[in-house]
Amino acid sequence: MFNFLIKDGNFKEWVRIFCVIVGISFVALGIMISIKSMLGGFFFLIGFIIAATGGYAAQAHMLKLKPFDKAYKKAKDSYEQDKNNM
């Protein structure tokens, strides 16, 4: 479903860069509006979450981790087989 965003179990490079840039922009906008207001705080929080997601995905890519891989299904199936064999 999200094959245009995910490649080899992680976000594609353009998605990671986009998340970091948009997140930092939202954080800057939230600071400019003023964090004390509700709207500024909203932009700051959402921007921080988006930038963190892009940053963590970039770190996972550098460490060759695959956070969006479907390997958990194989583990779940093997667990079910072991459970049924007992």
Protein backbone atom coordinates (compact mmCIF):
# COMPACT_ATOMS: atom_id res chain seq x y z
CA MET A 1 0.00 0.00 0.00
CA PHE A 2 2.78 2.45 0.89
CA ASN A 3 5.34 1.08 -1.56
CA PHE A 4 6.06 4.56 -2.87
CA LEU A 5 7.24 5.58 0.64
CA ILE A 6 9.03 2.44 1.83
CA LYS A 7 12.00 0.66 0.27
CA ASP A 8 13.78 -2.33 1.79
CA GLY A 9 12.01 -2.02 5.15
CA ASN A 10 12.69 1.68 5.72
CA PHE A 11 11.54 5.06 4.43
CA LYS A 12 13.00 6.09 1.09
CA GLU A 13 15.68 8.80 1.21
CA TRP A 14 13.40 11.54 -0.10
CA VAL A 15 10.81 10.75 2.60
CA ARG A 16 13.42 10.96 5.38
CA ILE A 17 14.74 14.29 4.10
CA PHE A 18 11.21 15.63 3.59
CA CYS A 19 10.22 14.69 7.16
CA VAL A 20 13.25 16.41 8.67
CA ILE A 21 12.82 19.60 6.62
CA VAL A 22 9.07 19.85 7.19
CA GLY A 23 9.49 19.07 10.89
CA ILE A 24 12.14 21.75 11.39
CA SER A 25 9.98 24.22 9.47
CA PHE A 26 7.00 23.49 11.71
CA VAL A 27 9.15 23.88 14.83
CA ALA A 28 10.44 27.24 13.57
CA LEU A 29 6.90 28.34 12.74
CA GLY A 30 5.73 27.33 16.21
CA ILE A 31 8.52 29.37 17.80
CA MET A 32 7.75 32.37 15.61
CA ILE A 33 4.05 32.22 16.50
CA SER A 34 5.00 31.80 20.17
CA ILE A 35 5.01 28.51 21.99
CA LYS A 36 2.81 30.01 24.71
CA SER A 37 -0.17 30.19 22.34
CA MET A 38 -2.13 27.06 21.54
CA LEU A 39 -1.45 27.26 17.79
CA GLY A 40 2.28 27.83 18.26
CA GLY A 41 2.51 24.92 20.68
CA PHE A 42 0.63 22.71 18.23
CA PHE A 43 3.02 23.52 15.37
CA PHE A 44 6.03 23.03 17.63
CA LEU A 45 4.84 19.64 18.88
CA ILE A 46 3.80 18.30 15.47
CA GLY A 47 7.04 19.56 13.90
CA PHE A 48 9.12 17.93 16.61
CA ILE A 49 7.36 14.59 16.07
CA ILE A 50 7.76 14.74 12.28
CA ALA A 51 11.45 15.74 12.48
CA ALA A 52 12.13 13.02 15.06
CA THR A 53 10.48 10.41 12.84
CA GLY A 54 12.66 11.43 9.90
CA GLY A 55 15.78 11.49 12.07
CA TYR A 56 15.12 8.08 13.60
CA ALA A 57 14.43 6.62 10.16
CA ALA A 58 17.76 8.05 8.94
CA GLN A 59 19.58 6.49 11.90
CA ALA A 60 17.87 3.16 11.26
CA HIS A 61 18.99 3.35 7.63
CA MET A 62 22.60 4.03 8.66
CA LEU A 63 22.53 1.06 11.04
CA LYS A 64 20.85 -1.10 8.35
CA LEU A 65 17.78 -1.69 10.52
CA LYS A 66 14.42 -2.36 8.91
CA PRO A 67 11.66 -0.95 11.12
CA PHE A 68 8.95 -1.49 8.48
CA ASP A 69 9.99 -5.00 7.48
CA LYS A 70 7.48 -7.83 7.65
CA ALA A 71 9.84 -10.29 9.35
CA TYR A 72 7.64 -10.32 12.45
CA LYS A 73 5.11 -12.42 10.52
CA LYS A 74 7.68 -15.19 10.08
CA ALA A 75 8.47 -15.08 13.80
CA LYS A 76 4.78 -15.15 14.68
CA ASP A 77 4.15 -18.11 12.38
CA SER A 78 7.09 -20.07 13.79
CA TYR A 79 5.84 -19.33 17.32
CA GLU A 80 2.39 -20.62 16.40
CA GLN A 81 3.93 -23.79 14.93
CA ASP A 82 5.97 -24.39 18.06
CA LYS A 83 2.91 -23.78 20.20
CA ASN A 84 0.84 -26.26 18.20
CA ASN A 85 3.56 -28.92 18.31
CA MET A 86 3.62 -28.97 22.11
